[in-house]
Amino acid sequence: MPYNLVIIIGFLASALCLPLYGQQWPADTFQTSTAQPFLPQKLQKHTATVVLFLDPDCPVTQKYGATLRKLYKKWQEEDVAVVAVYPVVDIDSAAVAEFAQAYQFDFTHVLDPKLRLAQHLHARITPEAYILDSLGQVRYRGAIDNWFYELGRYRRVVTKHYVEDALAAYLEGSPLPVTETEAIGCFIGTGMVEEPHHKP
């Protein structure tokens, strides 16, 4: 790639607040819940990838079981990879496998006990979702939808489907309706629960 083009791409990514994460994936080989090796670089072969940061012990993560199953079923019909990352110190494959089975999650589950992937994408909360394009650039980050507006408080009806709508727009080649929202849930790496206060 010509040097001038690299400069232009970097400038545009900075202006749009979309870091070129695809150039900086950790070189480590991670492990899935089924003891298979996982290389983050392989995500770039897909048109888009949804990365979900989850914690089996986080109450908000647990609440999203049905939603994530529904979304995954829909995304299977498109060239979209779905990867759940568990940024939990001392997490083990048995705990993740049990969690995935209990919630009937059929997508890939990756252990991140040293928080390498979480740090790479600057994830802070579980659950928190990211949409990555085929170059590994972040197109969306934040909440799955607007169900929760405060810890322990949620709407009876979800009115904004952030991840679903952002991914649909990206796949259609349309401008994304939103590129970043505030996730509500448990702090990564501490086990503490975040308590932002928002009006419904």
N, C-alpha and C. Protein backbone atom coordinates (compact mmCIF):
# COMPACT_ATOMS: atom_id res chain seq x y z
N MET A 1 0.84 -1.19 0.00
CA MET A 1 0.00 0.00 0.00
C MET A 1 0.88 1.24 0.00
N PRO A 2 0.61 2.21 -0.90
CA PRO A 2 1.41 3.43 -0.94
C PRO A 2 1.39 4.17 0.39
N TYR A 3 2.54 4.78 0.70
CA TYR A 3 2.68 5.47 1.97
C TYR A 3 1.63 6.56 2.15
N ASN A 4 1.37 7.33 1.08
CA ASN A 4 0.40 8.42 1.18
C ASN A 4 -1.00 7.90 1.51
N LEU A 5 -1.34 6.72 0.94
CA LEU A 5 -2.65 6.15 1.20
C LEU A 5 -2.76 5.71 2.65
N VAL A 6 -1.68 5.17 3.21
CA VAL A 6 -1.68 4.78 4.62
C VAL A 6 -1.95 5.98 5.50
N ILE A 7 -1.31 7.13 5.18
CA ILE A 7 -1.50 8.35 5.95
C ILE A 7 -2.95 8.80 5.89
N ILE A 8 -3.53 8.74 4.69
CA ILE A 8 -4.92 9.18 4.52
C ILE A 8 -5.87 8.29 5.31
N ILE A 9 -5.68 6.98 5.24
CA ILE A 9 -6.54 6.05 5.96
C ILE A 9 -6.43 6.29 7.46
N GLY A 10 -5.21 6.47 7.95
CA GLY A 10 -5.02 6.72 9.37
C GLY A 10 -5.71 7.99 9.82
N PHE A 11 -5.62 9.04 8.97
CA PHE A 11 -6.26 10.32 9.30
C PHE A 11 -7.77 10.18 9.36
N LEU A 12 -8.34 9.46 8.37
CA LEU A 12 -9.79 9.28 8.34
C LEU A 12 -10.27 8.47 9.53
N ALA A 13 -9.51 7.45 9.90
CA ALA A 13 -9.90 6.63 11.05
C ALA A 13 -9.90 7.45 12.32
N SER A 14 -8.89 8.32 12.48
CA SER A 14 -8.82 9.17 13.65
C SER A 14 -9.97 10.16 13.68
N ALA A 15 -10.27 10.73 12.52
CA ALA A 15 -11.35 11.71 12.45
C ALA A 15 -12.70 11.08 12.77
N LEU A 16 -12.87 9.81 12.42
CA LEU A 16 -14.13 9.13 12.67
C LEU A 16 -14.14 8.40 13.99
N CYS A 17 -13.06 8.52 14.76
CA CYS A 17 -12.94 7.83 16.04
C CYS A 17 -13.02 6.33 15.87
N LEU A 18 -12.45 5.83 14.78
CA LEU A 18 -12.44 4.40 14.52
C LEU A 18 -10.99 3.93 14.45
N PRO A 19 -10.39 3.53 15.60
CA PRO A 19 -9.00 3.12 15.62
C PRO A 19 -8.76 1.93 14.69
N LEU A 20 -7.56 1.87 14.13
CA LEU A 20 -7.21 0.77 13.24
C LEU A 20 -6.79 -0.44 14.05
N TYR A 21 -7.75 -0.99 14.79
CA TYR A 21 -7.44 -2.13 15.64
C TYR A 21 -6.96 -3.33 14.85
N GLY A 22 -7.38 -3.45 13.58
CA GLY A 22 -7.01 -4.61 12.79
C GLY A 22 -5.52 -4.74 12.60
N GLN A 23 -4.76 -3.66 12.78
CA GLN A 23 -3.32 -3.71 12.63
C GLN A 23 -2.60 -4.07 13.92
N GLN A 24 -3.36 -4.23 15.01
CA GLN A 24 -2.72 -4.36 16.31
C GLN A 24 -3.21 -5.54 17.14
N TRP A 25 -3.82 -6.52 16.51
CA TRP A 25 -4.33 -7.66 17.26
C TRP A 25 -3.19 -8.33 18.04
N PRO A 26 -3.44 -8.74 19.28
CA PRO A 26 -2.40 -9.48 20.02
C PRO A 26 -1.97 -10.71 19.24
N ALA A 27 -0.68 -10.98 19.26
CA ALA A 27 -0.16 -12.12 18.51
C ALA A 27 -0.40 -13.43 19.24
N ASP A 28 -0.89 -13.37 20.46
CA ASP A 28 -1.12 -14.57 21.27
C ASP A 28 -2.13 -15.50 20.60
N THR A 29 -2.02 -16.77 20.93
CA THR A 29 -3.05 -17.74 20.57
C THR A 29 -3.90 -17.96 21.80
N PHE A 30 -5.18 -17.69 21.68
CA PHE A 30 -6.08 -17.84 22.82
C PHE A 30 -6.73 -19.21 22.78
N GLN A 31 -7.46 -19.53 23.83
CA GLN A 31 -8.09 -20.84 23.93
C GLN A 31 -9.60 -20.68 24.02
N THR A 32 -10.32 -21.53 23.29
CA THR A 32 -11.77 -21.51 23.37
C THR A 32 -12.24 -22.41 24.52
N SER A 33 -13.54 -22.38 24.76
CA SER A 33 -14.10 -23.20 25.84
C SER A 33 -14.01 -24.68 25.54
N THR A 34 -13.77 -25.02 24.27
CA THR A 34 -13.62 -26.43 23.89
C THR A 34 -12.15 -26.80 23.68
N ALA A 35 -11.26 -25.97 24.25
CA ALA A 35 -9.82 -26.22 24.22
C ALA A 35 -9.22 -26.15 22.81
N GLN A 36 -9.87 -25.40 21.93
CA GLN A 36 -9.34 -25.20 20.58
C GLN A 36 -8.56 -23.88 20.54
N PRO A 37 -7.49 -23.82 19.72
CA PRO A 37 -6.75 -22.56 19.61
C PRO A 37 -7.56 -21.52 18.86
N PHE A 38 -7.40 -20.27 19.24
CA PHE A 38 -8.13 -19.17 18.60
C PHE A 38 -7.15 -18.05 18.29
N LEU A 39 -7.08 -17.69 17.00
CA LEU A 39 -6.22 -16.59 16.54
C LEU A 39 -7.10 -15.40 16.15
N PRO A 40 -7.01 -14.28 16.84
CA PRO A 40 -7.85 -13.11 16.53
C PRO A 40 -7.73 -12.65 15.08
N GLN A 41 -6.56 -12.83 14.46
CA GLN A 41 -6.37 -12.37 13.09
C GLN A 41 -7.34 -13.04 12.11
N LYS A 42 -7.81 -14.24 12.44
CA LYS A 42 -8.69 -14.98 11.55
C LYS A 42 -10.06 -14.32 11.42
N LEU A 43 -10.38 -13.42 12.34
CA LEU A 43 -11.67 -12.74 12.27
C LEU A 43 -11.78 -11.90 11.01
N GLN A 44 -10.64 -11.49 10.46
CA GLN A 44 -10.65 -10.58 9.32
C GLN A 44 -11.10 -11.25 8.02
N LYS A 45 -11.32 -12.55 8.02
CA LYS A 45 -11.78 -13.21 6.81
C LYS A 45 -13.29 -13.06 6.63
N HIS A 46 -13.97 -12.54 7.64
CA HIS A 46 -15.41 -12.37 7.59
C HIS A 46 -15.78 -10.94 7.18
N THR A 47 -16.94 -10.81 6.58
CA THR A 47 -17.43 -9.48 6.21
C THR A 47 -17.56 -8.61 7.45
N ALA A 48 -18.03 -9.20 8.54
CA ALA A 48 -18.16 -8.48 9.81
C ALA A 48 -18.07 -9.48 10.95
N THR A 49 -17.67 -8.99 12.09
CA THR A 49 -17.58 -9.82 13.29
C THR A 49 -18.22 -9.07 14.45
N VAL A 50 -19.05 -9.77 15.19
CA VAL A 50 -19.60 -9.22 16.43
C VAL A 50 -18.84 -9.86 17.59
N VAL A 51 -18.18 -9.02 18.38
CA VAL A 51 -17.46 -9.49 19.56
C VAL A 51 -18.26 -9.10 20.78
N LEU A 52 -18.58 -10.08 21.60
CA LEU A 52 -19.37 -9.85 22.80
C LEU A 52 -18.52 -10.13 24.04
N PHE A 53 -18.32 -9.13 24.87
CA PHE A 53 -17.61 -9.34 26.12
C PHE A 53 -18.63 -9.73 27.18
N LEU A 54 -18.47 -10.96 27.72
CA LEU A 54 -19.44 -11.52 28.65
C LEU A 54 -18.76 -11.99 29.92
N ASP A 55 -19.55 -12.10 30.98
CA ASP A 55 -19.08 -12.64 32.25
C ASP A 55 -20.20 -13.53 32.80
N PRO A 56 -19.95 -14.82 32.97
CA PRO A 56 -21.00 -15.73 33.44
C PRO A 56 -21.64 -15.31 34.76
N ASP A 57 -20.90 -14.60 35.60
CA ASP A 57 -21.41 -14.21 36.91
C ASP A 57 -22.07 -12.83 36.92
N CYS A 58 -22.06 -12.15 35.80
CA CYS A 58 -22.66 -10.81 35.72
C CYS A 58 -24.16 -10.93 35.50
N PRO A 59 -24.99 -10.38 36.39
CA PRO A 59 -26.44 -10.48 36.24
C PRO A 59 -26.97 -9.90 34.93
N VAL A 60 -26.35 -8.82 34.44
CA VAL A 60 -26.83 -8.21 33.20
C VAL A 60 -26.50 -9.11 32.02
N THR A 61 -25.31 -9.73 32.03
CA THR A 61 -24.97 -10.70 30.99
C THR A 61 -26.00 -11.81 30.95
N GLN A 62 -26.38 -12.32 32.09
CA GLN A 62 -27.34 -13.42 32.18
C GLN A 62 -28.70 -13.02 31.61
N LYS A 63 -29.08 -11.77 31.80
CA LYS A 63 -30.38 -11.29 31.33
C LYS A 63 -30.48 -11.32 29.80
N TYR A 64 -29.33 -11.24 29.12
CA TYR A 64 -29.33 -11.13 27.67
C TYR A 64 -29.30 -12.48 26.95
N GLY A 65 -29.50 -13.55 27.65
CA GLY A 65 -29.44 -14.87 27.04
C GLY A 65 -30.36 -15.03 25.84
N ALA A 66 -31.64 -14.74 26.01
CA ALA A 66 -32.60 -14.92 24.92
C ALA A 66 -32.31 -13.98 23.76
N THR A 67 -31.92 -12.75 24.07
CA THR A 67 -31.62 -11.76 23.02
C THR A 67 -30.46 -12.22 22.15
N LEU A 68 -29.40 -12.69 22.79
CA LEU A 68 -28.22 -13.11 22.04
C LEU A 68 -28.49 -14.36 21.21
N ARG A 69 -29.29 -15.26 21.72
CA ARG A 69 -29.65 -16.45 20.93
C ARG A 69 -30.41 -16.04 19.67
N LYS A 70 -31.34 -15.10 19.82
CA LYS A 70 -32.14 -14.64 18.69
C LYS A 70 -31.26 -13.95 17.65
N LEU A 71 -30.36 -13.08 18.11
CA LEU A 71 -29.50 -12.35 17.18
C LEU A 71 -28.55 -13.31 16.46
N TYR A 72 -27.99 -14.27 17.19
CA TYR A 72 -27.06 -15.20 16.56
C TYR A 72 -27.75 -16.01 15.46
N LYS A 73 -28.98 -16.43 15.71
CA LYS A 73 -29.72 -17.18 14.70
C LYS A 73 -29.89 -16.35 13.43
N LYS A 74 -30.14 -15.07 13.60
CA LYS A 74 -30.31 -14.19 12.45
C LYS A 74 -28.99 -13.99 11.72
N TRP A 75 -27.91 -13.80 12.47
CA TRP A 75 -26.61 -13.50 11.86
C TRP A 75 -25.99 -14.70 11.19
N GLN A 76 -26.44 -15.92 11.56
CA GLN A 76 -25.93 -17.12 10.90
C GLN A 76 -26.24 -17.12 9.41
N GLU A 77 -27.28 -16.43 9.01
CA GLU A 77 -27.69 -16.40 7.62
C GLU A 77 -26.84 -15.45 6.79
N GLU A 78 -25.97 -14.70 7.44
CA GLU A 78 -25.09 -13.76 6.75
C GLU A 78 -23.64 -14.11 7.08
N ASP A 79 -22.72 -13.47 6.40
CA ASP A 79 -21.30 -13.75 6.64
C ASP A 79 -20.81 -12.95 7.84
N VAL A 80 -21.40 -13.26 9.00
CA VAL A 80 -21.07 -12.55 10.23
C VAL A 80 -20.59 -13.56 11.26
N ALA A 81 -19.38 -13.34 11.77
CA ALA A 81 -18.86 -14.19 12.83
C ALA A 81 -19.29 -13.61 14.17
N VAL A 82 -19.57 -14.47 15.12
CA VAL A 82 -19.92 -14.04 16.47
C VAL A 82 -18.98 -14.73 17.45
N VAL A 83 -18.30 -13.92 18.25
CA VAL A 83 -17.33 -14.44 19.21
C VAL A 83 -17.62 -13.84 20.57
N ALA A 84 -17.79 -14.69 21.56
CA ALA A 84 -17.94 -14.23 22.94
C ALA A 84 -16.58 -14.32 23.62
N VAL A 85 -16.18 -13.23 24.24
CA VAL A 85 -14.90 -13.18 24.94
C VAL A 85 -15.18 -13.04 26.44
N TYR A 86 -14.46 -13.82 27.23
CA TYR A 86 -14.67 -13.82 28.68
C TYR A 86 -13.45 -13.21 29.38
N PRO A 87 -13.48 -11.90 29.63
CA PRO A 87 -12.33 -11.21 30.25
C PRO A 87 -12.41 -11.30 31.76
N VAL A 88 -12.26 -12.50 32.26
CA VAL A 88 -12.40 -12.76 33.70
C VAL A 88 -11.13 -13.43 34.19
N VAL A 89 -10.49 -12.82 35.16
CA VAL A 89 -9.27 -13.39 35.73
C VAL A 89 -9.58 -14.77 36.32
N ASP A 90 -8.74 -15.74 36.02
CA ASP A 90 -8.88 -17.11 36.54
C ASP A 90 -10.10 -17.85 35.98
N ILE A 91 -10.71 -17.33 34.92
CA ILE A 91 -11.82 -18.06 34.30
C ILE A 91 -11.29 -19.36 33.72
N ASP A 92 -12.10 -20.41 33.78
CA ASP A 92 -11.66 -21.68 33.20
C ASP A 92 -12.66 -22.16 32.18
N SER A 93 -12.21 -23.06 31.33
CA SER A 93 -13.03 -23.52 30.22
C SER A 93 -14.30 -24.23 30.69
N ALA A 94 -14.22 -24.93 31.82
CA ALA A 94 -15.39 -25.65 32.31
C ALA A 94 -16.52 -24.70 32.69
N ALA A 95 -16.17 -23.58 33.32
CA ALA A 95 -17.18 -22.60 33.72
C ALA A 95 -17.83 -21.96 32.50
N VAL A 96 -17.01 -21.65 31.49
CA VAL A 96 -17.54 -21.04 30.28
C VAL A 96 -18.41 -22.04 29.51
N ALA A 97 -17.94 -23.28 29.41
CA ALA A 97 -18.71 -24.30 28.70
C ALA A 97 -20.06 -24.54 29.38
N GLU A 98 -20.06 -24.55 30.69
CA GLU A 98 -21.32 -24.74 31.43
C GLU A 98 -22.27 -23.56 31.19
N PHE A 99 -21.72 -22.36 31.21
CA PHE A 99 -22.52 -21.16 30.96
C PHE A 99 -23.10 -21.18 29.55
N ALA A 100 -22.26 -21.49 28.56
CA ALA A 100 -22.71 -21.51 27.18
C ALA A 100 -23.80 -22.56 26.95
N GLN A 101 -23.65 -23.69 27.60
CA GLN A 101 -24.65 -24.75 27.45
C GLN A 101 -25.96 -24.35 28.12
N ALA A 102 -25.87 -23.74 29.29
CA ALA A 102 -27.07 -23.35 30.02
C ALA A 102 -27.90 -22.33 29.25
N TYR A 103 -27.22 -21.43 28.52
CA TYR A 103 -27.92 -20.39 27.78
C TYR A 103 -28.05 -20.71 26.28
N GLN A 104 -27.63 -21.93 25.92
CA GLN A 104 -27.75 -22.41 24.54
C GLN A 104 -27.08 -21.46 23.54
N PHE A 105 -25.87 -21.06 23.88
CA PHE A 105 -25.07 -20.21 22.99
C PHE A 105 -24.22 -21.10 22.10
N ASP A 106 -24.44 -21.06 20.79
CA ASP A 106 -23.74 -21.94 19.87
C ASP A 106 -22.56 -21.26 19.17
N PHE A 107 -22.27 -20.01 19.52
CA PHE A 107 -21.16 -19.32 18.87
C PHE A 107 -19.85 -19.63 19.58
N THR A 108 -18.75 -19.06 19.10
CA THR A 108 -17.42 -19.32 19.64
C THR A 108 -17.22 -18.60 20.97
N HIS A 109 -16.60 -19.29 21.92
CA HIS A 109 -16.35 -18.72 23.26
C HIS A 109 -14.85 -18.73 23.53
N VAL A 110 -14.30 -17.57 23.79
CA VAL A 110 -12.85 -17.42 23.94
C VAL A 110 -12.51 -16.94 25.36
N LEU A 111 -11.55 -17.59 25.97
CA LEU A 111 -11.11 -17.21 27.31
C LEU A 111 -10.09 -16.08 27.21
N ASP A 112 -10.25 -15.09 28.09
CA ASP A 112 -9.34 -13.94 28.09
C ASP A 112 -8.94 -13.60 29.53
N PRO A 113 -8.33 -14.57 30.24
CA PRO A 113 -8.02 -14.36 31.66
C PRO A 113 -7.01 -13.26 31.93
N LYS A 114 -6.16 -12.94 30.96
CA LYS A 114 -5.19 -11.86 31.14
C LYS A 114 -5.70 -10.53 30.58
N LEU A 115 -6.94 -10.54 30.12
CA LEU A 115 -7.61 -9.33 29.62
C LEU A 115 -6.92 -8.72 28.40
N ARG A 116 -6.23 -9.53 27.63
CA ARG A 116 -5.52 -9.01 26.46
C ARG A 116 -6.49 -8.49 25.40
N LEU A 117 -7.53 -9.26 25.11
CA LEU A 117 -8.49 -8.83 24.10
C LEU A 117 -9.33 -7.66 24.60
N ALA A 118 -9.66 -7.68 25.88
CA ALA A 118 -10.41 -6.57 26.45
C ALA A 118 -9.61 -5.28 26.37
N GLN A 119 -8.33 -5.35 26.68
CA GLN A 119 -7.48 -4.16 26.62
C GLN A 119 -7.30 -3.70 25.18
N HIS A 120 -7.22 -4.64 24.27
CA HIS A 120 -7.03 -4.28 22.87
C HIS A 120 -8.19 -3.45 22.33
N LEU A 121 -9.41 -3.84 22.70
CA LEU A 121 -10.59 -3.12 22.22
C LEU A 121 -11.08 -2.08 23.23
N HIS A 122 -10.36 -1.93 24.33
CA HIS A 122 -10.72 -0.95 25.36
C HIS A 122 -12.10 -1.24 25.95
N ALA A 123 -12.42 -2.51 26.08
CA ALA A 123 -13.69 -2.90 26.69
C ALA A 123 -13.62 -2.69 28.20
N ARG A 124 -14.71 -2.21 28.79
CA ARG A 124 -14.74 -1.94 30.23
C ARG A 124 -15.85 -2.70 30.95
N ILE A 125 -16.87 -3.08 30.22
CA ILE A 125 -18.08 -3.58 30.84
C ILE A 125 -18.50 -4.92 30.22
N THR A 126 -19.16 -5.76 31.01
CA THR A 126 -19.87 -6.92 30.46
C THR A 126 -21.34 -6.77 30.85
N PRO A 127 -22.25 -6.97 29.88
CA PRO A 127 -21.97 -7.26 28.47
C PRO A 127 -21.68 -5.98 27.68
N GLU A 128 -20.75 -6.07 26.76
CA GLU A 128 -20.43 -4.97 25.86
C GLU A 128 -20.18 -5.56 24.48
N ALA A 129 -20.72 -4.91 23.44
CA ALA A 129 -20.65 -5.46 22.09
C ALA A 129 -19.82 -4.57 21.18
N TYR A 130 -19.13 -5.23 20.23
CA TYR A 130 -18.33 -4.54 19.22
C TYR A 130 -18.68 -5.11 17.86
N ILE A 131 -18.75 -4.25 16.87
CA ILE A 131 -18.86 -4.69 15.49
C ILE A 131 -17.56 -4.33 14.80
N LEU A 132 -16.89 -5.33 14.23
CA LEU A 132 -15.63 -5.13 13.51
C LEU A 132 -15.85 -5.40 12.03
N ASP A 133 -15.22 -4.59 11.18
CA ASP A 133 -15.33 -4.86 9.75
C ASP A 133 -14.26 -5.86 9.34
N SER A 134 -14.14 -6.12 8.04
CA SER A 134 -13.21 -7.14 7.55
C SER A 134 -11.75 -6.76 7.74
N LEU A 135 -11.48 -5.49 8.05
CA LEU A 135 -10.12 -5.03 8.33
C LEU A 135 -9.82 -5.02 9.83
N GLY A 136 -10.82 -5.37 10.63
CA GLY A 136 -10.63 -5.37 12.06
C GLY A 136 -10.89 -4.02 12.71
N GLN A 137 -11.41 -3.06 11.94
CA GLN A 137 -11.71 -1.75 12.50
C GLN A 137 -13.05 -1.78 13.23
N VAL A 138 -13.12 -1.03 14.31
CA VAL A 138 -14.35 -0.95 15.10
C VAL A 138 -15.35 -0.04 14.41
N ARG A 139 -16.52 -0.57 14.11
CA ARG A 139 -17.59 0.23 13.52
C ARG A 139 -18.63 0.64 14.56
N TYR A 140 -18.78 -0.20 15.59
CA TYR A 140 -19.71 0.12 16.69
C TYR A 140 -19.17 -0.49 17.97
N ARG A 141 -19.41 0.19 19.10
CA ARG A 141 -19.08 -0.36 20.41
C ARG A 141 -20.09 0.15 21.43
N GLY A 142 -20.43 -0.71 22.38
CA GLY A 142 -21.32 -0.26 23.44
C GLY A 142 -22.38 -1.28 23.81
N ALA A 143 -23.55 -0.78 24.16
CA ALA A 143 -24.65 -1.61 24.62
C ALA A 143 -25.26 -2.42 23.48
N ILE A 144 -25.85 -3.56 23.81
CA ILE A 144 -26.52 -4.39 22.82
C ILE A 144 -27.79 -3.70 22.34
N ASP A 145 -28.53 -3.12 23.27
CA ASP A 145 -29.73 -2.34 22.96
C ASP A 145 -29.99 -1.40 24.13
N ASN A 146 -31.14 -0.78 24.19
CA ASN A 146 -31.42 0.17 25.28
C ASN A 146 -32.35 -0.41 26.33
N TRP A 147 -32.33 -1.73 26.47
CA TRP A 147 -33.18 -2.39 27.48
C TRP A 147 -32.86 -1.85 28.87
N PHE A 148 -31.59 -1.87 29.26
CA PHE A 148 -31.18 -1.33 30.56
C PHE A 148 -30.85 0.15 30.42
N TYR A 149 -31.43 0.98 31.28
CA TYR A 149 -31.07 2.39 31.29
C TYR A 149 -30.40 2.77 32.61
N GLU A 150 -30.37 1.84 33.56
CA GLU A 150 -29.71 2.01 34.83
C GLU A 150 -29.56 0.62 35.43
N LEU A 151 -28.57 0.42 36.26
CA LEU A 151 -28.36 -0.91 36.82
C LEU A 151 -29.59 -1.37 37.58
N GLY A 152 -30.09 -2.54 37.21
CA GLY A 152 -31.26 -3.09 37.87
C GLY A 152 -32.57 -2.50 37.40
N ARG A 153 -32.51 -1.57 36.46
CA ARG A 153 -33.73 -0.95 35.95
C ARG A 153 -33.73 -1.02 34.42
N TYR A 154 -34.82 -1.51 33.89
CA TYR A 154 -34.88 -1.67 32.45
C TYR A 154 -36.29 -1.40 31.93
N ARG A 155 -36.36 -1.12 30.65
CA ARG A 155 -37.62 -0.82 30.00
C ARG A 155 -38.42 -2.10 29.77
N ARG A 156 -39.72 -1.96 29.77
CA ARG A 156 -40.56 -3.12 29.46
C ARG A 156 -40.44 -3.48 27.99
N VAL A 157 -40.22 -2.47 27.16
CA VAL A 157 -40.09 -2.69 25.72
C VAL A 157 -38.80 -2.04 25.22
N VAL A 158 -37.98 -2.82 24.53
CA VAL A 158 -36.76 -2.28 23.94
C VAL A 158 -37.14 -1.43 22.73
N THR A 159 -36.64 -0.21 22.70
CA THR A 159 -36.99 0.70 21.60
C THR A 159 -35.83 0.99 20.66
N LYS A 160 -34.60 0.66 21.09
CA LYS A 160 -33.45 0.91 20.23
C LYS A 160 -32.56 -0.34 20.23
N HIS A 161 -32.37 -0.91 19.04
CA HIS A 161 -31.59 -2.14 18.88
C HIS A 161 -30.22 -1.76 18.30
N TYR A 162 -29.33 -1.28 19.15
CA TYR A 162 -28.08 -0.67 18.68
C TYR A 162 -27.24 -1.60 17.81
N VAL A 163 -26.92 -2.77 18.31
CA VAL A 163 -26.04 -3.68 17.56
C VAL A 163 -26.72 -4.18 16.29
N GLU A 164 -27.96 -4.60 16.43
CA GLU A 164 -28.69 -5.14 15.28
C GLU A 164 -28.81 -4.10 14.16
N ASP A 165 -29.16 -2.87 14.52
CA ASP A 165 -29.34 -1.83 13.51
C ASP A 165 -28.01 -1.37 12.90
N ALA A 166 -26.98 -1.27 13.75
CA ALA A 166 -25.67 -0.86 13.24
C ALA A 166 -25.10 -1.89 12.28
N LEU A 167 -25.25 -3.17 12.61
CA LEU A 167 -24.74 -4.23 11.75
C LEU A 167 -25.51 -4.27 10.43
N ALA A 168 -26.82 -4.12 10.49
CA ALA A 168 -27.62 -4.13 9.27
C ALA A 168 -27.22 -2.99 8.35
N ALA A 169 -26.98 -1.81 8.93
CA ALA A 169 -26.57 -0.66 8.12
C ALA A 169 -25.20 -0.91 7.50
N TYR A 170 -24.28 -1.47 8.27
CA TYR A 170 -22.94 -1.73 7.74
C TYR A 170 -22.99 -2.72 6.58
N LEU A 171 -23.77 -3.79 6.73
CA LEU A 171 -23.86 -4.81 5.69
C LEU A 171 -24.52 -4.26 4.43
N GLU A 172 -25.39 -3.27 4.60
CA GLU A 172 -26.05 -2.66 3.45
C GLU A 172 -25.22 -1.56 2.81
N GLY A 173 -24.13 -1.19 3.49
CA GLY A 173 -23.31 -0.10 2.98
C GLY A 173 -23.88 1.27 3.29
N SER A 174 -24.76 1.34 4.29
CA SER A 174 -25.39 2.60 4.67
C SER A 174 -24.69 3.19 5.89
N PRO A 175 -24.85 4.49 6.13
CA PRO A 175 -24.28 5.10 7.35
C PRO A 175 -24.86 4.45 8.59
N LEU A 176 -24.04 4.19 9.58
CA LEU A 176 -24.52 3.58 10.81
C LEU A 176 -25.33 4.60 11.60
N PRO A 177 -26.48 4.19 12.14
CA PRO A 177 -27.31 5.12 12.92
C PRO A 177 -26.63 5.59 14.20
N VAL A 178 -25.76 4.75 14.75
CA VAL A 178 -25.00 5.12 15.94
C VAL A 178 -23.72 4.29 15.95
N THR A 179 -22.62 4.88 16.41
CA THR A 179 -21.34 4.16 16.42
C THR A 179 -20.85 3.85 17.83
N GLU A 180 -21.42 4.49 18.84
CA GLU A 180 -20.98 4.24 20.21
C GLU A 180 -22.09 4.57 21.19
N THR A 181 -22.28 3.68 22.17
CA THR A 181 -23.22 3.92 23.25
C THR A 181 -22.56 3.48 24.56
N GLU A 182 -23.22 3.74 25.66
CA GLU A 182 -22.66 3.38 26.96
C GLU A 182 -23.24 2.05 27.43
N ALA A 183 -22.37 1.06 27.60
CA ALA A 183 -22.81 -0.24 28.09
C ALA A 183 -23.06 -0.16 29.59
N ILE A 184 -24.04 -0.90 30.06
CA ILE A 184 -24.37 -0.95 31.48
C ILE A 184 -24.23 -2.38 31.96
N GLY A 185 -23.45 -2.59 33.01
CA GLY A 185 -23.25 -3.94 33.51
C GLY A 185 -22.14 -3.99 34.54
N CYS A 186 -21.27 -5.00 34.43
CA CYS A 186 -20.22 -5.24 35.42
C CYS A 186 -18.86 -4.81 34.89
N PHE A 187 -18.07 -4.18 35.75
CA PHE A 187 -16.74 -3.76 35.36
C PHE A 187 -15.86 -4.96 35.06
N ILE A 188 -15.15 -4.92 33.95
CA ILE A 188 -14.23 -5.99 33.58
C ILE A 188 -13.02 -5.99 34.51
N GLY A 189 -12.66 -7.16 34.98
CA GLY A 189 -11.44 -7.32 35.78
C GLY A 189 -11.59 -7.02 37.25
N THR A 190 -12.79 -6.61 37.69
CA THR A 190 -12.95 -6.28 39.10
C THR A 190 -14.07 -7.06 39.77
N GLY A 191 -15.04 -7.51 38.96
CA GLY A 191 -16.20 -8.17 39.53
C GLY A 191 -17.21 -7.18 40.09
N MET A 192 -16.87 -5.88 40.01
CA MET A 192 -17.77 -4.85 40.51
C MET A 192 -18.80 -4.48 39.45
N VAL A 193 -19.91 -4.00 39.90
CA VAL A 193 -20.99 -3.64 38.99
C VAL A 193 -21.04 -2.14 38.83
N GLU A 194 -21.15 -1.71 37.58
CA GLU A 194 -21.21 -0.29 37.28
C GLU A 194 -22.63 0.23 37.53
N GLU A 195 -22.73 1.44 38.03
CA GLU A 195 -24.04 2.00 38.32
C GLU A 195 -24.22 3.38 37.72
N PRO A 196 -24.23 3.47 36.39
CA PRO A 196 -24.51 4.77 35.78
C PRO A 196 -25.96 5.13 35.97
N HIS A 197 -26.26 6.39 35.99
CA HIS A 197 -27.63 6.84 36.20
C HIS A 197 -28.12 7.57 34.97
N HIS A 198 -29.13 7.05 34.36
CA HIS A 198 -29.69 7.66 33.16
C HIS A 198 -31.20 7.74 33.33
N LYS A 199 -31.78 8.69 32.70
CA LYS A 199 -33.23 8.77 32.67
C LYS A 199 -33.76 7.84 31.59
N PRO A 200 -34.87 7.16 31.83
CA PRO A 200 -35.42 6.25 30.82
C PRO A 200 -35.93 7.00 29.61
